[in-house]
Amino acid sequence: MTLLGSVASWMLKLASRDLVPTHLLRDWHLYAGGTGYLCAALINIWVLRHMDLSVVLPMTALTYVWTLILARLFIGEKLNARKIAGVAAILGGVVLIATM
């Protein structure tokens, strides 16, 4: 769910290169991003049915981890110590909450 949400964001980032409405409506990235968000939301609903909200919602923070990795690998965004520390804090928090 979280990885799919990050990929959907990446697709919308690619779609945002040309915001002329007629161009945007012809860009497959727009539809891939929208479909990805919809599928991630449906998976989220299913997961919420089977797990506690107090566990699932913090785990959605993993979206930020995937987004950082995708942005680095496919868009070439730079990593710095603050971003890495932030991701480490998110992962630590997810582990703490998931193991309670």
N, C-alpha and C. Protein backbone atom coordinates (compact mmCIF):
# COMPACT_ATOMS: atom_id res chain seq x y z
N MET A 1 0.83 -1.19 0.00
CA MET A 1 0.00 0.00 0.00
C MET A 1 0.87 1.26 0.00
N THR A 2 1.87 1.28 0.89
CA THR A 2 2.69 2.48 0.98
C THR A 2 3.60 2.64 -0.24
N LEU A 3 4.13 1.53 -0.73
CA LEU A 3 4.97 1.60 -1.93
C LEU A 3 4.14 2.04 -3.13
N LEU A 4 2.94 1.53 -3.24
CA LEU A 4 2.07 1.92 -4.35
C LEU A 4 1.72 3.41 -4.28
N GLY A 5 1.49 3.91 -3.09
CA GLY A 5 1.24 5.35 -2.93
C GLY A 5 2.42 6.19 -3.35
N SER A 6 3.62 5.72 -3.04
CA SER A 6 4.83 6.46 -3.45
C SER A 6 5.03 6.43 -4.95
N VAL A 7 4.78 5.28 -5.56
CA VAL A 7 4.88 5.19 -7.03
C VAL A 7 3.84 6.10 -7.67
N ALA A 8 2.64 6.15 -7.10
CA ALA A 8 1.60 7.03 -7.62
C ALA A 8 2.04 8.49 -7.55
N SER A 9 2.66 8.87 -6.45
CA SER A 9 3.17 10.25 -6.32
C SER A 9 4.23 10.54 -7.37
N TRP A 10 5.11 9.58 -7.60
CA TRP A 10 6.14 9.73 -8.62
C TRP A 10 5.51 9.93 -9.99
N MET A 11 4.47 9.17 -10.30
CA MET A 11 3.78 9.32 -11.59
C MET A 11 3.17 10.71 -11.72
N LEU A 12 2.58 11.22 -10.64
CA LEU A 12 2.00 12.56 -10.69
C LEU A 12 3.08 13.63 -10.81
N LYS A 13 4.22 13.38 -10.20
CA LYS A 13 5.36 14.30 -10.36
C LYS A 13 5.76 14.37 -11.84
N LEU A 14 5.82 13.21 -12.50
CA LEU A 14 6.15 13.18 -13.92
C LEU A 14 5.08 13.87 -14.75
N ALA A 15 3.82 13.70 -14.36
CA ALA A 15 2.73 14.35 -15.09
C ALA A 15 2.77 15.87 -14.93
N SER A 16 3.34 16.34 -13.84
CA SER A 16 3.35 17.78 -13.55
C SER A 16 4.36 18.56 -14.40
N ARG A 17 5.13 17.87 -15.23
CA ARG A 17 6.11 18.56 -16.06
C ARG A 17 5.45 19.54 -17.03
N ASP A 18 4.26 19.21 -17.48
CA ASP A 18 3.55 20.06 -18.44
C ASP A 18 2.12 20.22 -17.95
N LEU A 19 1.83 21.39 -17.39
CA LEU A 19 0.51 21.59 -16.79
C LEU A 19 -0.49 22.25 -17.73
N VAL A 20 -0.17 22.28 -19.01
CA VAL A 20 -1.17 22.73 -19.98
C VAL A 20 -2.28 21.68 -19.96
N PRO A 21 -3.52 22.09 -19.65
CA PRO A 21 -4.60 21.11 -19.47
C PRO A 21 -4.73 20.09 -20.59
N THR A 22 -4.62 20.51 -21.83
CA THR A 22 -4.78 19.54 -22.92
C THR A 22 -3.63 18.54 -22.96
N HIS A 23 -2.44 18.97 -22.58
CA HIS A 23 -1.29 18.06 -22.53
C HIS A 23 -1.41 17.13 -21.33
N LEU A 24 -1.78 17.71 -20.19
CA LEU A 24 -1.90 16.93 -18.96
C LEU A 24 -2.93 15.81 -19.12
N LEU A 25 -4.04 16.09 -19.75
CA LEU A 25 -5.09 15.08 -19.92
C LEU A 25 -4.67 13.96 -20.86
N ARG A 26 -3.64 14.18 -21.67
CA ARG A 26 -3.14 13.14 -22.57
C ARG A 26 -1.94 12.38 -21.99
N ASP A 27 -1.51 12.79 -20.80
CA ASP A 27 -0.31 12.19 -20.20
C ASP A 27 -0.69 10.96 -19.39
N TRP A 28 -0.15 9.81 -19.77
CA TRP A 28 -0.49 8.57 -19.09
C TRP A 28 -0.04 8.56 -17.64
N HIS A 29 0.96 9.37 -17.30
CA HIS A 29 1.41 9.45 -15.91
C HIS A 29 0.29 9.93 -14.99
N LEU A 30 -0.53 10.84 -15.46
CA LEU A 30 -1.66 11.34 -14.68
C LEU A 30 -2.59 10.19 -14.30
N TYR A 31 -2.92 9.37 -15.26
CA TYR A 31 -3.85 8.26 -15.03
C TYR A 31 -3.20 7.14 -14.21
N ALA A 32 -1.92 6.91 -14.43
CA ALA A 32 -1.21 5.92 -13.63
C ALA A 32 -1.16 6.36 -12.16
N GLY A 33 -0.89 7.63 -11.95
CA GLY A 33 -0.86 8.15 -10.58
C GLY A 33 -2.21 8.08 -9.90
N GLY A 34 -3.24 8.49 -10.60
CA GLY A 34 -4.60 8.43 -10.04
C GLY A 34 -5.03 7.00 -9.74
N THR A 35 -4.73 6.10 -10.65
CA THR A 35 -5.07 4.68 -10.45
C THR A 35 -4.27 4.11 -9.28
N GLY A 36 -3.00 4.47 -9.20
CA GLY A 36 -2.17 4.00 -8.09
C GLY A 36 -2.71 4.46 -6.75
N TYR A 37 -3.11 5.74 -6.66
CA TYR A 37 -3.68 6.24 -5.41
C TYR A 37 -4.98 5.52 -5.06
N LEU A 38 -5.81 5.28 -6.06
CA LEU A 38 -7.07 4.58 -5.82
C LEU A 38 -6.81 3.16 -5.31
N CYS A 39 -5.90 2.46 -5.95
CA CYS A 39 -5.58 1.09 -5.52
C CYS A 39 -4.97 1.08 -4.12
N ALA A 40 -4.10 2.03 -3.84
CA ALA A 40 -3.50 2.12 -2.50
C ALA A 40 -4.58 2.38 -1.45
N ALA A 41 -5.55 3.22 -1.78
CA ALA A 41 -6.64 3.50 -0.84
C ALA A 41 -7.49 2.25 -0.60
N LEU A 42 -7.75 1.49 -1.64
CA LEU A 42 -8.53 0.26 -1.48
C LEU A 42 -7.78 -0.76 -0.63
N ILE A 43 -6.48 -0.87 -0.85
CA ILE A 43 -5.67 -1.76 -0.02
C ILE A 43 -5.69 -1.28 1.43
N ASN A 44 -5.60 0.03 1.62
CA ASN A 44 -5.64 0.61 2.96
C ASN A 44 -6.94 0.24 3.67
N ILE A 45 -8.04 0.33 2.98
CA ILE A 45 -9.34 -0.03 3.56
C ILE A 45 -9.34 -1.50 3.97
N TRP A 46 -8.82 -2.35 3.12
CA TRP A 46 -8.76 -3.78 3.43
C TRP A 46 -7.88 -4.04 4.65
N VAL A 47 -6.71 -3.38 4.68
CA VAL A 47 -5.78 -3.55 5.81
C VAL A 47 -6.43 -3.06 7.10
N LEU A 48 -7.14 -1.93 7.04
CA LEU A 48 -7.80 -1.40 8.23
C LEU A 48 -8.85 -2.37 8.77
N ARG A 49 -9.44 -3.15 7.91
CA ARG A 49 -10.43 -4.13 8.35
C ARG A 49 -9.79 -5.21 9.22
N HIS A 50 -8.51 -5.48 8.97
CA HIS A 50 -7.85 -6.60 9.63
C HIS A 50 -6.84 -6.19 10.72
N MET A 51 -6.53 -4.92 10.80
CA MET A 51 -5.53 -4.47 11.78
C MET A 51 -6.05 -3.25 12.53
N ASP A 52 -5.44 -2.95 13.66
CA ASP A 52 -5.82 -1.78 14.44
C ASP A 52 -5.42 -0.49 13.72
N LEU A 53 -6.28 0.50 13.79
CA LEU A 53 -5.99 1.81 13.21
C LEU A 53 -4.72 2.40 13.82
N SER A 54 -4.53 2.18 15.12
CA SER A 54 -3.36 2.73 15.80
C SER A 54 -2.04 2.12 15.33
N VAL A 55 -2.12 1.02 14.60
CA VAL A 55 -0.93 0.41 14.00
C VAL A 55 -0.83 0.79 12.53
N VAL A 56 -1.94 0.72 11.82
CA VAL A 56 -1.94 0.95 10.38
C VAL A 56 -1.57 2.40 10.04
N LEU A 57 -2.16 3.35 10.73
CA LEU A 57 -1.92 4.74 10.37
C LEU A 57 -0.45 5.13 10.53
N PRO A 58 0.21 4.81 11.65
CA PRO A 58 1.65 5.12 11.70
C PRO A 58 2.46 4.39 10.63
N MET A 59 2.04 3.20 10.26
CA MET A 59 2.78 2.46 9.23
C MET A 59 2.67 3.13 7.86
N THR A 60 1.65 3.95 7.68
CA THR A 60 1.55 4.67 6.40
C THR A 60 2.71 5.66 6.24
N ALA A 61 3.40 5.96 7.34
CA ALA A 61 4.58 6.83 7.25
C ALA A 61 5.68 6.20 6.41
N LEU A 62 5.59 4.90 6.18
CA LEU A 62 6.58 4.25 5.30
C LEU A 62 6.52 4.82 3.89
N THR A 63 5.41 5.46 3.55
CA THR A 63 5.29 6.12 2.26
C THR A 63 6.44 7.12 2.07
N TYR A 64 6.81 7.82 3.14
CA TYR A 64 7.90 8.79 3.05
C TYR A 64 9.23 8.12 2.76
N VAL A 65 9.42 6.94 3.32
CA VAL A 65 10.65 6.19 3.07
C VAL A 65 10.74 5.80 1.60
N TRP A 66 9.67 5.19 1.08
CA TRP A 66 9.65 4.78 -0.33
C TRP A 66 9.82 6.00 -1.24
N THR A 67 9.17 7.10 -0.88
CA THR A 67 9.25 8.30 -1.72
C THR A 67 10.68 8.81 -1.79
N LEU A 68 11.37 8.82 -0.67
CA LEU A 68 12.77 9.25 -0.65
C LEU A 68 13.63 8.36 -1.55
N ILE A 69 13.42 7.06 -1.46
CA ILE A 69 14.20 6.11 -2.27
C ILE A 69 13.89 6.29 -3.75
N LEU A 70 12.61 6.38 -4.10
CA LEU A 70 12.23 6.55 -5.51
C LEU A 70 12.76 7.87 -6.07
N ALA A 71 12.66 8.93 -5.27
CA ALA A 71 13.14 10.24 -5.73
C ALA A 71 14.64 10.21 -5.99
N ARG A 72 15.36 9.51 -5.15
CA ARG A 72 16.81 9.39 -5.35
C ARG A 72 17.15 8.56 -6.58
N LEU A 73 16.49 7.40 -6.70
CA LEU A 73 16.84 6.48 -7.78
C LEU A 73 16.37 6.94 -9.16
N PHE A 74 15.17 7.50 -9.23
CA PHE A 74 14.58 7.76 -10.54
C PHE A 74 14.50 9.23 -10.93
N ILE A 75 14.57 10.12 -9.97
CA ILE A 75 14.51 11.54 -10.31
C ILE A 75 15.86 12.21 -10.08
N GLY A 76 16.72 11.53 -9.31
CA GLY A 76 18.05 12.07 -9.07
C GLY A 76 18.11 13.10 -7.96
N GLU A 77 17.10 13.13 -7.08
CA GLU A 77 17.13 14.07 -5.97
C GLU A 77 18.27 13.70 -5.03
N LYS A 78 18.86 14.70 -4.43
CA LYS A 78 20.01 14.51 -3.55
C LYS A 78 19.56 14.09 -2.15
N LEU A 79 20.33 13.20 -1.55
CA LEU A 79 20.13 12.83 -0.15
C LEU A 79 21.11 13.62 0.70
N ASN A 80 20.68 13.99 1.88
CA ASN A 80 21.58 14.63 2.82
C ASN A 80 21.36 14.00 4.20
N ALA A 81 22.16 14.40 5.16
CA ALA A 81 22.10 13.80 6.50
C ALA A 81 20.74 14.01 7.15
N ARG A 82 20.12 15.15 6.93
CA ARG A 82 18.81 15.42 7.56
C ARG A 82 17.73 14.50 6.99
N LYS A 83 17.75 14.28 5.69
CA LYS A 83 16.76 13.38 5.08
C LYS A 83 16.96 11.95 5.58
N ILE A 84 18.19 11.52 5.63
CA ILE A 84 18.49 10.17 6.10
C ILE A 84 18.10 10.02 7.57
N ALA A 85 18.38 11.03 8.39
CA ALA A 85 18.00 10.98 9.80
C ALA A 85 16.47 10.95 9.94
N GLY A 86 15.79 11.70 9.12
CA GLY A 86 14.33 11.70 9.16
C GLY A 86 13.75 10.33 8.82
N VAL A 87 14.30 9.70 7.79
CA VAL A 87 13.85 8.37 7.40
C VAL A 87 14.15 7.36 8.51
N ALA A 88 15.31 7.49 9.13
CA ALA A 88 15.67 6.59 10.23
C ALA A 88 14.68 6.77 11.40
N ALA A 89 14.31 7.99 11.68
CA ALA A 89 13.35 8.25 12.76
C ALA A 89 11.98 7.64 12.42
N ILE A 90 11.56 7.78 11.17
CA ILE A 90 10.29 7.20 10.75
C ILE A 90 10.33 5.68 10.90
N LEU A 91 11.38 5.06 10.41
CA LEU A 91 11.50 3.60 10.51
C LEU A 91 11.52 3.15 11.98
N GLY A 92 12.24 3.88 12.80
CA GLY A 92 12.28 3.55 14.23
C GLY A 92 10.90 3.65 14.87
N GLY A 93 10.17 4.69 14.53
CA GLY A 93 8.82 4.86 15.06
C GLY A 93 7.87 3.76 14.60
N VAL A 94 7.97 3.39 13.34
CA VAL A 94 7.12 2.31 12.81
C VAL A 94 7.41 1.00 13.54
N VAL A 95 8.69 0.72 13.75
CA VAL A 95 9.07 -0.51 14.45
C VAL A 95 8.54 -0.49 15.88
N LEU A 96 8.69 0.63 16.56
CA LEU A 96 8.20 0.74 17.95
C LEU A 96 6.70 0.50 18.03
N ILE A 97 5.95 1.11 17.14
CA ILE A 97 4.50 0.99 17.18
C ILE A 97 4.05 -0.41 16.75
N ALA A 98 4.69 -0.95 15.74
CA ALA A 98 4.27 -2.25 15.22
C ALA A 98 4.58 -3.39 16.18
N THR A 99 5.55 -3.20 17.07
CA THR A 99 5.92 -4.29 17.98
C THR A 99 5.29 -4.15 19.35
N MET A 100 4.43 -3.20 19.54
CA MET A 100 3.78 -3.02 20.85
C MET A 100 2.64 -3.99 21.04
